[in-house]
Amino acid sequence: MQTTRFVTQNAIELRHTQTCTSIELSRNLLVIHMGKLNGRIPLDVDLSNFPNSDMVSRLQVRIQKEGNIYFIEDMRSAKGTYLNQKRLATGQRYRLYAGDKMSFGEGDLISFVFGFF
């Protein structure tokens, strides 16, 4: 039996491609910080427990919401951030679309698909 999913777009979904684990975040968040828990920088998404988290910096990326548009920015990560397999320039914002794949470090060892539900 096929499962039907009704899209209400009340939340952001980050789906970890290696484990198919989904992270749900409120669309009311204007800024989302992703990285590894470190005690100094507050994170909205802690990636410490995901496989290959050694590819992730303490503060890897910031996702910002402006109106209904989302942007991603690499926060001077050590091993880089990739959006749809293209490396992001540090400190520059890039628009995020549903279905975009963000990867941390080379080789797609830790990656997430951005979406809404």
N, C-alpha and C. Protein backbone atom coordinates (compact mmCIF):
# COMPACT_ATOMS: atom_id res chain seq x y z
N MET A 1 0.84 -1.18 0.00
CA MET A 1 0.00 0.00 0.00
C MET A 1 0.89 1.24 0.00
N GLN A 2 0.60 2.19 -0.86
CA GLN A 2 1.38 3.41 -0.96
C GLN A 2 0.92 4.43 0.07
N THR A 3 1.88 5.10 0.70
CA THR A 3 1.57 6.13 1.69
C THR A 3 1.41 7.46 0.99
N THR A 4 0.35 8.17 1.33
CA THR A 4 0.12 9.50 0.78
C THR A 4 0.57 10.52 1.80
N ARG A 5 1.30 11.52 1.31
CA ARG A 5 1.78 12.58 2.19
C ARG A 5 1.17 13.89 1.73
N PHE A 6 0.46 14.56 2.61
CA PHE A 6 -0.13 15.84 2.28
C PHE A 6 0.86 16.94 2.59
N VAL A 7 1.12 17.78 1.63
CA VAL A 7 2.11 18.85 1.78
C VAL A 7 1.41 20.11 2.27
N THR A 8 1.75 20.52 3.48
CA THR A 8 1.19 21.75 4.03
C THR A 8 2.23 22.85 4.08
N GLN A 9 3.48 22.49 3.92
CA GLN A 9 4.60 23.42 3.95
C GLN A 9 4.65 24.23 5.24
N ASN A 10 4.35 23.58 6.36
CA ASN A 10 4.44 24.24 7.66
C ASN A 10 5.81 24.05 8.30
N ALA A 11 6.61 23.17 7.73
CA ALA A 11 7.92 22.89 8.32
C ALA A 11 8.96 22.72 7.22
N ILE A 12 10.21 22.88 7.64
CA ILE A 12 11.35 22.61 6.77
C ILE A 12 11.78 21.18 7.07
N GLU A 13 12.15 20.46 6.04
CA GLU A 13 12.69 19.12 6.23
C GLU A 13 14.10 19.08 5.67
N LEU A 14 15.02 18.56 6.47
CA LEU A 14 16.37 18.26 6.03
C LEU A 14 16.49 16.74 6.09
N ARG A 15 16.60 16.10 4.92
CA ARG A 15 16.65 14.63 4.88
C ARG A 15 18.09 14.18 4.64
N HIS A 16 18.64 13.48 5.60
CA HIS A 16 20.00 12.96 5.50
C HIS A 16 20.01 11.84 4.47
N THR A 17 20.76 12.03 3.40
CA THR A 17 20.68 11.09 2.28
C THR A 17 21.29 9.73 2.59
N GLN A 18 22.26 9.67 3.48
CA GLN A 18 22.91 8.40 3.77
C GLN A 18 22.07 7.49 4.67
N THR A 19 21.26 8.06 5.55
CA THR A 19 20.46 7.24 6.48
C THR A 19 18.95 7.42 6.29
N CYS A 20 18.55 8.34 5.42
CA CYS A 20 17.14 8.69 5.21
C CYS A 20 16.48 9.23 6.47
N THR A 21 17.27 9.75 7.40
CA THR A 21 16.76 10.38 8.61
C THR A 21 16.29 11.79 8.27
N SER A 22 15.10 12.16 8.72
CA SER A 22 14.58 13.50 8.47
C SER A 22 14.65 14.35 9.73
N ILE A 23 15.06 15.59 9.55
CA ILE A 23 15.06 16.58 10.62
C ILE A 23 13.99 17.59 10.25
N GLU A 24 13.05 17.81 11.17
CA GLU A 24 11.97 18.77 10.94
C GLU A 24 12.25 20.04 11.74
N LEU A 25 12.16 21.18 11.06
CA LEU A 25 12.38 22.48 11.70
C LEU A 25 11.21 23.39 11.39
N SER A 26 10.86 24.22 12.34
CA SER A 26 9.76 25.16 12.16
C SER A 26 10.10 26.18 11.08
N ARG A 27 9.12 26.52 10.27
CA ARG A 27 9.33 27.57 9.26
C ARG A 27 9.33 28.95 9.90
N ASN A 28 9.06 29.02 11.21
CA ASN A 28 9.13 30.30 11.91
C ASN A 28 10.56 30.71 12.22
N LEU A 29 11.51 29.78 12.12
CA LEU A 29 12.91 30.11 12.36
C LEU A 29 13.43 30.98 11.22
N LEU A 30 14.04 32.10 11.56
CA LEU A 30 14.60 32.98 10.54
C LEU A 30 16.04 32.64 10.22
N VAL A 31 16.74 32.05 11.19
CA VAL A 31 18.13 31.64 11.01
C VAL A 31 18.30 30.24 11.59
N ILE A 32 18.98 29.37 10.83
CA ILE A 32 19.25 28.00 11.26
C ILE A 32 20.75 27.78 11.17
N HIS A 33 21.38 27.45 12.29
CA HIS A 33 22.81 27.15 12.31
C HIS A 33 22.99 25.64 12.37
N MET A 34 23.87 25.12 11.50
CA MET A 34 24.16 23.69 11.46
C MET A 34 25.65 23.47 11.68
N GLY A 35 25.99 22.45 12.47
CA GLY A 35 27.39 22.13 12.72
C GLY A 35 27.49 21.03 13.75
N LYS A 36 28.65 20.96 14.42
CA LYS A 36 28.87 19.98 15.48
C LYS A 36 28.84 20.66 16.83
N LEU A 37 28.12 20.07 17.76
CA LEU A 37 27.99 20.60 19.11
C LEU A 37 29.37 20.84 19.71
N ASN A 38 29.55 22.05 20.27
CA ASN A 38 30.88 22.38 20.78
C ASN A 38 30.86 23.19 22.06
N GLY A 39 29.70 23.56 22.57
CA GLY A 39 29.62 24.28 23.83
C GLY A 39 29.79 25.78 23.71
N ARG A 40 30.27 26.27 22.59
CA ARG A 40 30.48 27.71 22.40
C ARG A 40 29.44 28.33 21.48
N ILE A 41 29.13 27.63 20.41
CA ILE A 41 28.24 28.17 19.39
C ILE A 41 26.91 27.43 19.48
N PRO A 42 25.80 28.14 19.76
CA PRO A 42 24.50 27.47 19.80
C PRO A 42 24.08 27.02 18.40
N LEU A 43 23.62 25.79 18.30
CA LEU A 43 23.22 25.21 17.02
C LEU A 43 21.74 24.87 17.02
N ASP A 44 21.12 25.00 15.87
CA ASP A 44 19.75 24.54 15.68
C ASP A 44 19.74 23.08 15.23
N VAL A 45 20.78 22.71 14.48
CA VAL A 45 20.92 21.34 13.99
C VAL A 45 22.32 20.85 14.34
N ASP A 46 22.39 19.90 15.27
CA ASP A 46 23.67 19.30 15.68
C ASP A 46 23.91 18.06 14.82
N LEU A 47 25.00 18.06 14.08
CA LEU A 47 25.31 16.96 13.17
C LEU A 47 26.30 15.96 13.76
N SER A 48 26.62 16.10 15.04
CA SER A 48 27.64 15.28 15.69
C SER A 48 27.37 13.78 15.62
N ASN A 49 26.12 13.37 15.65
CA ASN A 49 25.79 11.95 15.72
C ASN A 49 25.51 11.30 14.37
N PHE A 50 25.68 12.05 13.29
CA PHE A 50 25.49 11.48 11.96
C PHE A 50 26.78 10.81 11.49
N PRO A 51 26.66 9.74 10.68
CA PRO A 51 27.87 9.12 10.13
C PRO A 51 28.70 10.15 9.37
N ASN A 52 30.01 10.04 9.47
CA ASN A 52 30.96 10.93 8.79
C ASN A 52 30.91 12.37 9.29
N SER A 53 30.49 12.55 10.54
CA SER A 53 30.41 13.91 11.08
C SER A 53 31.78 14.57 11.22
N ASP A 54 32.85 13.78 11.06
CA ASP A 54 34.19 14.38 11.09
C ASP A 54 34.41 15.33 9.91
N MET A 55 33.54 15.29 8.91
CA MET A 55 33.61 16.20 7.76
C MET A 55 33.00 17.56 8.09
N VAL A 56 32.32 17.67 9.23
CA VAL A 56 31.55 18.86 9.58
C VAL A 56 32.33 19.74 10.55
N SER A 57 32.28 21.05 10.32
CA SER A 57 32.90 22.03 11.22
C SER A 57 31.96 22.34 12.38
N ARG A 58 32.51 23.00 13.41
CA ARG A 58 31.67 23.38 14.57
C ARG A 58 30.51 24.26 14.12
N LEU A 59 30.76 25.18 13.22
CA LEU A 59 29.70 25.97 12.59
C LEU A 59 29.89 25.83 11.09
N GLN A 60 29.12 24.95 10.48
CA GLN A 60 29.28 24.62 9.06
C GLN A 60 28.55 25.62 8.17
N VAL A 61 27.24 25.74 8.38
CA VAL A 61 26.43 26.61 7.52
C VAL A 61 25.40 27.37 8.33
N ARG A 62 24.94 28.45 7.71
CA ARG A 62 23.80 29.21 8.23
C ARG A 62 22.76 29.23 7.12
N ILE A 63 21.53 28.89 7.47
CA ILE A 63 20.41 29.00 6.54
C ILE A 63 19.56 30.15 7.04
N GLN A 64 19.27 31.10 6.16
CA GLN A 64 18.47 32.27 6.53
C GLN A 64 17.20 32.32 5.71
N LYS A 65 16.13 32.75 6.36
CA LYS A 65 14.85 32.94 5.70
C LYS A 65 14.59 34.42 5.54
N GLU A 66 14.26 34.83 4.32
CA GLU A 66 13.84 36.21 4.05
C GLU A 66 12.53 36.13 3.29
N GLY A 67 11.46 36.51 3.95
CA GLY A 67 10.13 36.31 3.36
C GLY A 67 9.88 34.81 3.28
N ASN A 68 9.63 34.31 2.08
CA ASN A 68 9.47 32.87 1.87
C ASN A 68 10.65 32.27 1.12
N ILE A 69 11.76 32.97 1.10
CA ILE A 69 12.95 32.52 0.38
C ILE A 69 14.03 32.14 1.39
N TYR A 70 14.71 31.03 1.12
CA TYR A 70 15.78 30.54 1.99
C TYR A 70 17.12 30.65 1.28
N PHE A 71 18.14 30.99 2.07
CA PHE A 71 19.51 31.11 1.57
C PHE A 71 20.43 30.28 2.46
N ILE A 72 21.49 29.74 1.86
CA ILE A 72 22.51 29.00 2.60
C ILE A 72 23.84 29.73 2.46
N GLU A 73 24.62 29.70 3.53
CA GLU A 73 25.93 30.36 3.53
C GLU A 73 26.93 29.49 4.28
N ASP A 74 28.07 29.21 3.65
CA ASP A 74 29.16 28.49 4.31
C ASP A 74 29.81 29.43 5.31
N MET A 75 30.01 28.95 6.53
CA MET A 75 30.53 29.79 7.62
C MET A 75 32.01 29.53 7.88
N ARG A 76 32.80 29.57 6.84
CA ARG A 76 34.25 29.34 6.92
C ARG A 76 34.56 27.92 7.40
N SER A 77 33.82 26.97 6.88
CA SER A 77 34.04 25.58 7.28
C SER A 77 35.39 25.09 6.76
N ALA A 78 35.97 24.15 7.48
CA ALA A 78 37.31 23.64 7.14
C ALA A 78 37.32 22.83 5.84
N LYS A 79 36.27 22.06 5.60
CA LYS A 79 36.27 21.15 4.45
C LYS A 79 35.28 21.53 3.36
N GLY A 80 34.63 22.67 3.52
CA GLY A 80 33.76 23.19 2.46
C GLY A 80 32.33 22.70 2.53
N THR A 81 31.47 23.47 1.88
CA THR A 81 30.06 23.14 1.73
C THR A 81 29.74 23.13 0.25
N TYR A 82 28.95 22.15 -0.16
CA TYR A 82 28.60 22.00 -1.57
C TYR A 82 27.08 22.07 -1.70
N LEU A 83 26.63 22.74 -2.74
CA LEU A 83 25.20 22.81 -3.04
C LEU A 83 25.02 22.24 -4.43
N ASN A 84 24.33 21.10 -4.52
CA ASN A 84 24.16 20.41 -5.79
C ASN A 84 25.51 20.17 -6.47
N GLN A 85 26.48 19.73 -5.68
CA GLN A 85 27.83 19.33 -6.09
C GLN A 85 28.73 20.49 -6.52
N LYS A 86 28.34 21.72 -6.24
CA LYS A 86 29.19 22.88 -6.53
C LYS A 86 29.61 23.51 -5.21
N ARG A 87 30.92 23.71 -5.06
CA ARG A 87 31.44 24.26 -3.81
C ARG A 87 30.99 25.71 -3.64
N LEU A 88 30.54 26.04 -2.43
CA LEU A 88 30.11 27.40 -2.11
C LEU A 88 31.31 28.24 -1.70
N ALA A 89 31.32 29.48 -2.14
CA ALA A 89 32.33 30.43 -1.68
C ALA A 89 31.98 30.84 -0.26
N THR A 90 32.97 30.87 0.61
CA THR A 90 32.75 31.25 2.00
C THR A 90 32.18 32.66 2.10
N GLY A 91 31.16 32.81 2.94
CA GLY A 91 30.59 34.13 3.20
C GLY A 91 29.62 34.63 2.15
N GLN A 92 29.38 33.86 1.10
CA GLN A 92 28.43 34.26 0.06
C GLN A 92 27.15 33.45 0.22
N ARG A 93 26.01 34.12 0.08
CA ARG A 93 24.72 33.44 0.23
C ARG A 93 24.25 32.89 -1.12
N TYR A 94 23.61 31.72 -1.05
CA TYR A 94 23.06 31.07 -2.24
C TYR A 94 21.62 30.69 -1.94
N ARG A 95 20.75 30.89 -2.90
CA ARG A 95 19.34 30.57 -2.70
C ARG A 95 19.15 29.06 -2.65
N LEU A 96 18.29 28.63 -1.72
CA LEU A 96 17.94 27.22 -1.58
C LEU A 96 16.56 26.98 -2.17
N TYR A 97 16.44 25.91 -2.92
CA TYR A 97 15.16 25.48 -3.48
C TYR A 97 14.84 24.08 -2.95
N ALA A 98 13.56 23.75 -2.88
CA ALA A 98 13.16 22.41 -2.47
C ALA A 98 13.82 21.40 -3.41
N GLY A 99 14.43 20.39 -2.82
CA GLY A 99 15.12 19.36 -3.60
C GLY A 99 16.61 19.59 -3.73
N ASP A 100 17.10 20.76 -3.32
CA ASP A 100 18.54 21.01 -3.37
C ASP A 100 19.27 20.10 -2.39
N LYS A 101 20.46 19.67 -2.80
CA LYS A 101 21.28 18.80 -1.96
C LYS A 101 22.49 19.57 -1.45
N MET A 102 22.62 19.64 -0.13
CA MET A 102 23.78 20.28 0.49
C MET A 102 24.67 19.19 1.08
N SER A 103 25.97 19.29 0.78
CA SER A 103 26.94 18.30 1.25
C SER A 103 28.05 19.02 2.00
N PHE A 104 28.59 18.35 3.00
CA PHE A 104 29.64 18.94 3.83
C PHE A 104 30.92 18.15 3.61
N GLY A 105 31.94 18.81 3.09
CA GLY A 105 33.17 18.15 2.69
C GLY A 105 32.99 17.50 1.33
N GLU A 106 34.10 17.07 0.74
CA GLU A 106 34.04 16.45 -0.58
C GLU A 106 33.49 15.04 -0.52
N GLY A 107 32.88 14.62 -1.61
CA GLY A 107 32.51 13.22 -1.76
C GLY A 107 31.14 12.80 -1.29
N ASP A 108 30.27 13.73 -0.94
CA ASP A 108 28.90 13.37 -0.52
C ASP A 108 28.87 12.38 0.64
N LEU A 109 29.82 12.47 1.56
CA LEU A 109 29.83 11.55 2.70
C LEU A 109 28.79 11.93 3.75
N ILE A 110 28.46 13.21 3.82
CA ILE A 110 27.39 13.67 4.70
C ILE A 110 26.62 14.74 3.95
N SER A 111 25.38 14.44 3.62
CA SER A 111 24.59 15.37 2.81
C SER A 111 23.12 15.31 3.20
N PHE A 112 22.44 16.40 2.89
CA PHE A 112 21.03 16.57 3.22
C PHE A 112 20.29 17.15 2.03
N VAL A 113 19.05 16.74 1.86
CA VAL A 113 18.17 17.34 0.86
C VAL A 113 17.24 18.29 1.58
N PHE A 114 17.15 19.51 1.07
CA PHE A 114 16.33 20.57 1.65
C PHE A 114 14.93 20.48 1.06
N GLY A 115 13.91 20.60 1.91
CA GLY A 115 12.55 20.56 1.41
C GLY A 115 11.56 21.10 2.41
N PHE A 116 10.29 21.01 2.05
CA PHE A 116 9.19 21.49 2.88
C PHE A 116 8.17 20.39 3.04
N PHE A 117 7.47 20.41 4.17
CA PHE A 117 6.28 19.55 4.33
C PHE A 117 5.37 20.15 5.34
